Amino acid sequence: MINEFSKIEELITLYDHIYRELKEIADEKIIVLDEVSDLYKSMEKIQVRLAQLHEENDNNGEIT
């Protein structure tokens, strides 16, 4: 009976350890995805601004 409790306790400890590791990995992935999303949004803004500058140059008769 004590041996069974030891095995159960060991499994619970292992489960808790794996759960914490997976949660940490998931949290890191979320942070990275948020950073990638921010970079993508910044790139979109840059693209819009470059299009505006290109259009302004075309309207001024300049060759780009």
PDB file of N, CA and C in Angstrom:
ATOM      1  N   MET A   1       0.823  -1.187   0.000  1.00  0.00           N
ATOM      2  CA  MET A   1       0.000   0.000   0.000  1.00  0.00           C
ATOM      3  C   MET A   1       0.871   1.255   0.000  1.00  0.00           C
ATOM      4  N   ILE A   2       1.907   1.271   0.821  1.00  0.00           N
ATOM      5  CA  ILE A   2       2.812   2.421   0.864  1.00  0.00           C
ATOM      6  C   ILE A   2       3.524   2.563  -0.473  1.00  0.00           C
ATOM      7  N   ASN A   3       3.867   1.441  -1.073  1.00  0.00           N
ATOM      8  CA  ASN A   3       4.530   1.455  -2.378  1.00  0.00           C
ATOM      9  C   ASN A   3       3.625   2.092  -3.434  1.00  0.00           C
ATOM     10  N   GLU A   4       2.327   1.818  -3.390  1.00  0.00           N
ATOM     11  CA  GLU A   4       1.367   2.397  -4.331  1.00  0.00           C
ATOM     12  C   GLU A   4       1.288   3.909  -4.157  1.00  0.00           C
ATOM     13  N   PHE A   5       1.264   4.358  -2.891  1.00  0.00           N
ATOM     14  CA  PHE A   5       1.216   5.792  -2.627  1.00  0.00           C
ATOM     15  C   PHE A   5       2.482   6.485  -3.125  1.00  0.00           C
ATOM     16  N   SER A   6       3.607   5.815  -2.983  1.00  0.00           N
ATOM     17  CA  SER A   6       4.871   6.375  -3.465  1.00  0.00           C
ATOM     18  C   SER A   6       4.835   6.536  -4.981  1.00  0.00           C
ATOM     19  N   LYS A   7       4.293   5.529  -5.665  1.00  0.00           N
ATOM     20  CA  LYS A   7       4.198   5.603  -7.128  1.00  0.00           C
ATOM     21  C   LYS A   7       3.244   6.722  -7.548  1.00  0.00           C
ATOM     22  N   ILE A   8       2.134   6.834  -6.833  1.00  0.00           N
ATOM     23  CA  ILE A   8       1.163   7.886  -7.150  1.00  0.00           C
ATOM     24  C   ILE A   8       1.789   9.255  -6.897  1.00  0.00           C
ATOM     25  N   GLU A   9       2.471   9.394  -5.791  1.00  0.00           N
ATOM     26  CA  GLU A   9       3.122  10.660  -5.474  1.00  0.00           C
ATOM     27  C   GLU A   9       4.194  10.996  -6.513  1.00  0.00           C
ATOM     28  N   GLU A  10       4.926   9.994  -6.940  1.00  0.00           N
ATOM     29  CA  GLU A  10       5.956  10.203  -7.959  1.00  0.00           C
ATOM     30  C   GLU A  10       5.328  10.647  -9.282  1.00  0.00           C
ATOM     31  N   LEU A  11       4.217  10.025  -9.656  1.00  0.00           N
ATOM     32  CA  LEU A  11       3.524  10.405 -10.889  1.00  0.00           C
ATOM     33  C   LEU A  11       2.971  11.827 -10.803  1.00  0.00           C
ATOM     34  N   ILE A  12       2.433  12.177  -9.648  1.00  0.00           N
ATOM     35  CA  ILE A  12       1.912  13.535  -9.469  1.00  0.00           C
ATOM     36  C   ILE A  12       3.039  14.554  -9.572  1.00  0.00           C
ATOM     37  N   THR A  13       4.168  14.251  -8.955  1.00  0.00           N
ATOM     38  CA  THR A  13       5.330  15.142  -9.013  1.00  0.00           C
ATOM     39  C   THR A  13       5.812  15.286 -10.454  1.00  0.00           C
ATOM     40  N   LEU A  14       5.884  14.179 -11.166  1.00  0.00           N
ATOM     41  CA  LEU A  14       6.309  14.210 -12.568  1.00  0.00           C
ATOM     42  C   LEU A  14       5.325  15.019 -13.409  1.00  0.00           C
ATOM     43  N   TYR A  15       4.025  14.805 -13.182  1.00  0.00           N
ATOM     44  CA  TYR A  15       2.995  15.542 -13.904  1.00  0.00           C
ATOM     45  C   TYR A  15       3.145  17.042 -13.658  1.00  0.00           C
ATOM     46  N   ASP A  16       3.307  17.431 -12.400  1.00  0.00           N
ATOM     47  CA  ASP A  16       3.466  18.852 -12.061  1.00  0.00           C
ATOM     48  C   ASP A  16       4.683  19.453 -12.750  1.00  0.00           C
ATOM     49  N   HIS A  17       5.778  18.713 -12.767  1.00  0.00           N
ATOM     50  CA  HIS A  17       7.002  19.195 -13.409  1.00  0.00           C
ATOM     51  C   HIS A  17       6.784  19.400 -14.912  1.00  0.00           C
ATOM     52  N   ILE A  18       6.210  18.409 -15.554  1.00  0.00           N
ATOM     53  CA  ILE A  18       5.963  18.506 -17.006  1.00  0.00           C
ATOM     54  C   ILE A  18       4.994  19.641 -17.307  1.00  0.00           C
ATOM     55  N   TYR A  19       3.946  19.787 -16.482  1.00  0.00           N
ATOM     56  CA  TYR A  19       2.969  20.854 -16.673  1.00  0.00           C
ATOM     57  C   TYR A  19       3.646  22.222 -16.593  1.00  0.00           C
ATOM     58  N   ARG A  20       4.501  22.432 -15.586  1.00  0.00           N
ATOM     59  CA  ARG A  20       5.197  23.721 -15.437  1.00  0.00           C
ATOM     60  C   ARG A  20       6.110  23.981 -16.630  1.00  0.00           C
ATOM     61  N   GLU A  21       6.814  22.946 -17.094  1.00  0.00           N
ATOM     62  CA  GLU A  21       7.694  23.106 -18.255  1.00  0.00           C
ATOM     63  C   GLU A  21       6.890  23.500 -19.501  1.00  0.00           C
ATOM     64  N   LEU A  22       5.792  22.819 -19.733  1.00  0.00           N
ATOM     65  CA  LEU A  22       4.955  23.117 -20.903  1.00  0.00           C
ATOM     66  C   LEU A  22       4.360  24.518 -20.811  1.00  0.00           C
ATOM     67  N   LYS A  23       3.939  24.914 -19.622  1.00  0.00           N
ATOM     68  CA  LYS A  23       3.383  26.257 -19.444  1.00  0.00           C
ATOM     69  C   LYS A  23       4.431  27.315 -19.736  1.00  0.00           C
ATOM     70  N   GLU A  24       5.661  27.079 -19.267  1.00  0.00           N
ATOM     71  CA  GLU A  24       6.742  28.030 -19.521  1.00  0.00           C
ATOM     72  C   GLU A  24       7.030  28.139 -21.022  1.00  0.00           C
ATOM     73  N   ILE A  25       7.053  27.002 -21.699  1.00  0.00           N
ATOM     74  CA  ILE A  25       7.290  27.004 -23.146  1.00  0.00           C
ATOM     75  C   ILE A  25       6.155  27.742 -23.857  1.00  0.00           C
ATOM     76  N   ALA A  26       4.914  27.470 -23.471  1.00  0.00           N
ATOM     77  CA  ALA A  26       3.764  28.135 -24.094  1.00  0.00           C
ATOM     78  C   ALA A  26       3.813  29.643 -23.865  1.00  0.00           C
ATOM     79  N   ASP A  27       4.165  30.053 -22.644  1.00  0.00           N
ATOM     80  CA  ASP A  27       4.260  31.486 -22.352  1.00  0.00           C
ATOM     81  C   ASP A  27       5.336  32.142 -23.212  1.00  0.00           C
ATOM     82  N   GLU A  28       6.478  31.470 -23.377  1.00  0.00           N
ATOM     83  CA  GLU A  28       7.541  32.014 -24.220  1.00  0.00           C
ATOM     84  C   GLU A  28       7.085  32.126 -25.666  1.00  0.00           C
ATOM     85  N   LYS A  29       6.352  31.135 -26.145  1.00  0.00           N
ATOM     86  CA  LYS A  29       5.857  31.172 -27.524  1.00  0.00           C
ATOM     87  C   LYS A  29       4.885  32.332 -27.708  1.00  0.00           C
ATOM     88  N   ILE A  30       4.042  32.571 -26.720  1.00  0.00           N
ATOM     89  CA  ILE A  30       3.083  33.673 -26.805  1.00  0.00           C
ATOM     90  C   ILE A  30       3.824  35.000 -26.881  1.00  0.00           C
ATOM     91  N   ILE A  31       4.868  35.150 -26.072  1.00  0.00           N
ATOM     92  CA  ILE A  31       5.659  36.383 -26.097  1.00  0.00           C
ATOM     93  C   ILE A  31       6.287  36.577 -27.467  1.00  0.00           C
ATOM     94  N   VAL A  32       6.861  35.517 -28.018  1.00  0.00           N
ATOM     95  CA  VAL A  32       7.501  35.608 -29.329  1.00  0.00           C
ATOM     96  C   VAL A  32       6.464  35.953 -30.396  1.00  0.00           C
ATOM     97  N   LEU A  33       5.310  35.316 -30.336  1.00  0.00           N
ATOM     98  CA  LEU A  33       4.267  35.603 -31.323  1.00  0.00           C
ATOM     99  C   LEU A  33       3.789  37.046 -31.217  1.00  0.00           C
ATOM    100  N   ASP A  34       3.688  37.567 -30.007  1.00  0.00           N
ATOM    101  CA  ASP A  34       3.309  38.968 -29.828  1.00  0.00           C
ATOM    102  C   ASP A  34       4.357  39.893 -30.441  1.00  0.00           C
ATOM    103  N   GLU A  35       5.632  39.559 -30.242  1.00  0.00           N
ATOM    104  CA  GLU A  35       6.711  40.378 -30.807  1.00  0.00           C
ATOM    105  C   GLU A  35       6.702  40.319 -32.333  1.00  0.00           C
ATOM    106  N   VAL A  36       6.466  39.140 -32.890  1.00  0.00           N
ATOM    107  CA  VAL A  36       6.387  38.998 -34.349  1.00  0.00           C
ATOM    108  C   VAL A  36       5.211  39.802 -34.882  1.00  0.00           C
ATOM    109  N   SER A  37       4.097  39.764 -34.171  1.00  0.00           N
ATOM    110  CA  SER A  37       2.919  40.528 -34.578  1.00  0.00           C
ATOM    111  C   SER A  37       3.219  42.029 -34.581  1.00  0.00           C
ATOM    112  N   ASP A  38       3.908  42.500 -33.549  1.00  0.00           N
ATOM    113  CA  ASP A  38       4.276  43.918 -33.485  1.00  0.00           C
ATOM    114  C   ASP A  38       5.197  44.296 -34.643  1.00  0.00           C
ATOM    115  N   LEU A  39       6.159  43.436 -34.942  1.00  0.00           N
ATOM    116  CA  LEU A  39       7.066  43.704 -36.061  1.00  0.00           C
ATOM    117  C   LEU A  39       6.304  43.751 -37.383  1.00  0.00           C
ATOM    118  N   TYR A  40       5.370  42.840 -37.568  1.00  0.00           N
ATOM    119  CA  TYR A  40       4.579  42.807 -38.790  1.00  0.00           C
ATOM    120  C   TYR A  40       3.761  44.093 -38.943  1.00  0.00           C
ATOM    121  N   LYS A  41       3.156  44.541 -37.836  1.00  0.00           N
ATOM    122  CA  LYS A  41       2.375  45.780 -37.879  1.00  0.00           C
ATOM    123  C   LYS A  41       3.269  46.975 -38.228  1.00  0.00           C
ATOM    124  N   SER A  42       4.472  46.987 -37.676  1.00  0.00           N
ATOM    125  CA  SER A  42       5.416  48.064 -37.992  1.00  0.00           C
ATOM    126  C   SER A  42       5.799  48.036 -39.462  1.00  0.00           C
ATOM    127  N   MET A  43       6.019  46.844 -39.985  1.00  0.00           N
ATOM    128  CA  MET A  43       6.372  46.716 -41.400  1.00  0.00           C
ATOM    129  C   MET A  43       5.234  47.185 -42.294  1.00  0.00           C
ATOM    130  N   GLU A  44       4.002  46.903 -41.897  1.00  0.00           N
ATOM    131  CA  GLU A  44       2.857  47.377 -42.670  1.00  0.00           C
ATOM    132  C   GLU A  44       2.813  48.905 -42.695  1.00  0.00           C
ATOM    133  N   LYS A  45       3.074  49.532 -41.554  1.00  0.00           N
ATOM    134  CA  LYS A  45       3.082  50.993 -41.491  1.00  0.00           C
ATOM    135  C   LYS A  45       4.183  51.570 -42.372  1.00  0.00           C
ATOM    136  N   ILE A  46       5.339  50.940 -42.362  1.00  0.00           N
ATOM    137  CA  ILE A  46       6.446  51.388 -43.210  1.00  0.00           C
ATOM    138  C   ILE A  46       6.061  51.258 -44.677  1.00  0.00           C
ATOM    139  N   GLN A  47       5.422  50.150 -45.013  1.00  0.00           N
ATOM    140  CA  GLN A  47       5.001  49.936 -46.398  1.00  0.00           C
ATOM    141  C   GLN A  47       4.009  51.009 -46.842  1.00  0.00           C
ATOM    142  N   VAL A  48       3.068  51.359 -45.979  1.00  0.00           N
ATOM    143  CA  VAL A  48       2.086  52.405 -46.294  1.00  0.00           C
ATOM    144  C   VAL A  48       2.808  53.734 -46.505  1.00  0.00           C
ATOM    145  N   ARG A  49       3.747  54.037 -45.615  1.00  0.00           N
ATOM    146  CA  ARG A  49       4.478  55.316 -45.728  1.00  0.00           C
ATOM    147  C   ARG A  49       5.317  55.350 -46.995  1.00  0.00           C
ATOM    148  N   LEU A  50       5.960  54.243 -47.338  1.00  0.00           N
ATOM    149  CA  LEU A  50       6.745  54.199 -48.579  1.00  0.00           C
ATOM    150  C   LEU A  50       5.846  54.404 -49.798  1.00  0.00           C
ATOM    151  N   ALA A  51       4.654  53.826 -49.763  1.00  0.00           N
ATOM    152  CA  ALA A  51       3.711  54.019 -50.869  1.00  0.00           C
ATOM    153  C   ALA A  51       3.299  55.481 -50.970  1.00  0.00           C
ATOM    154  N   GLN A  52       3.102  56.135 -49.817  1.00  0.00           N
ATOM    155  CA  GLN A  52       2.757  57.557 -49.821  1.00  0.00           C
ATOM    156  C   GLN A  52       3.892  58.388 -50.415  1.00  0.00           C
ATOM    157  N   LEU A  53       5.113  58.107 -50.015  1.00  0.00           N
ATOM    158  CA  LEU A  53       6.260  58.856 -50.535  1.00  0.00           C
ATOM    159  C   LEU A  53       6.418  58.636 -52.034  1.00  0.00           C
ATOM    160  N   HIS A  54       6.202  57.417 -52.465  1.00  0.00           N
ATOM    161  CA  HIS A  54       6.299  57.118 -53.893  1.00  0.00           C
ATOM    162  C   HIS A  54       5.236  57.903 -54.671  1.00  0.00           C
ATOM    163  N   GLU A  55       4.038  57.939 -54.111  1.00  0.00           N
ATOM    164  CA  GLU A  55       2.951  58.669 -54.766  1.00  0.00           C
ATOM    165  C   GLU A  55       3.249  60.169 -54.801  1.00  0.00           C
ATOM    166  N   GLU A  56       3.801  60.699 -53.699  1.00  0.00           N
ATOM    167  CA  GLU A  56       4.161  62.111 -53.664  1.00  0.00           C
ATOM    168  C   GLU A  56       5.225  62.429 -54.705  1.00  0.00           C
ATOM    169  N   ASN A  57       6.188  61.550 -54.861  1.00  0.00           N
ATOM    170  CA  ASN A  57       7.232  61.757 -55.859  1.00  0.00           C
ATOM    171  C   ASN A  57       6.656  61.730 -57.265  1.00  0.00           C
ATOM    172  N   ASP A  58       5.715  60.807 -57.503  1.00  0.00           N
ATOM    173  CA  ASP A  58       5.076  60.740 -58.817  1.00  0.00           C
ATOM    174  C   ASP A  58       4.259  62.003 -59.091  1.00  0.00           C
ATOM    175  N   ASN A  59       3.607  62.543 -58.074  1.00  0.00           N
ATOM    176  CA  ASN A  59       2.789  63.735 -58.233  1.00  0.00           C
ATOM    177  C   ASN A  59       3.640  64.970 -58.470  1.00  0.00           C
ATOM    178  N   ASN A  60       4.869  64.960 -58.005  1.00  0.00           N
ATOM    179  CA  ASN A  60       5.778  66.088 -58.202  1.00  0.00           C
ATOM    180  C   ASN A  60       6.551  65.986 -59.508  1.00  0.00           C
ATOM    181  N   GLY A  61       6.272  64.948 -60.274  1.00  0.00           N
ATOM    182  CA  GLY A  61       6.922  64.788 -61.558  1.00  0.00           C
ATOM    183  C   GLY A  61       8.343  64.246 -61.465  1.00  0.00           C
ATOM    184  N   GLU A  62       8.713  63.772 -60.309  1.00  0.00           N
ATOM    185  CA  GLU A  62      10.059  63.229 -60.144  1.00  0.00           C
ATOM    186  C   GLU A  62      10.062  61.762 -60.595  1.00  0.00           C
ATOM    187  N   ILE A  63      11.194  61.347 -61.103  1.00  0.00           N
ATOM    188  CA  ILE A  63      11.354  59.958 -61.518  1.00  0.00           C
ATOM    189  C   ILE A  63      11.951  59.205 -60.336  1.00  0.00           C
ATOM    190  N   THR A  64      11.291  58.068 -60.006  1.00  0.00           N
ATOM    191  CA  THR A  64      11.791  57.266 -58.870  1.00  0.00           C
ATOM    192  C   THR A  64      12.317  55.935 -59.369  1.00  0.00           C
TER     193      THR A  64
END
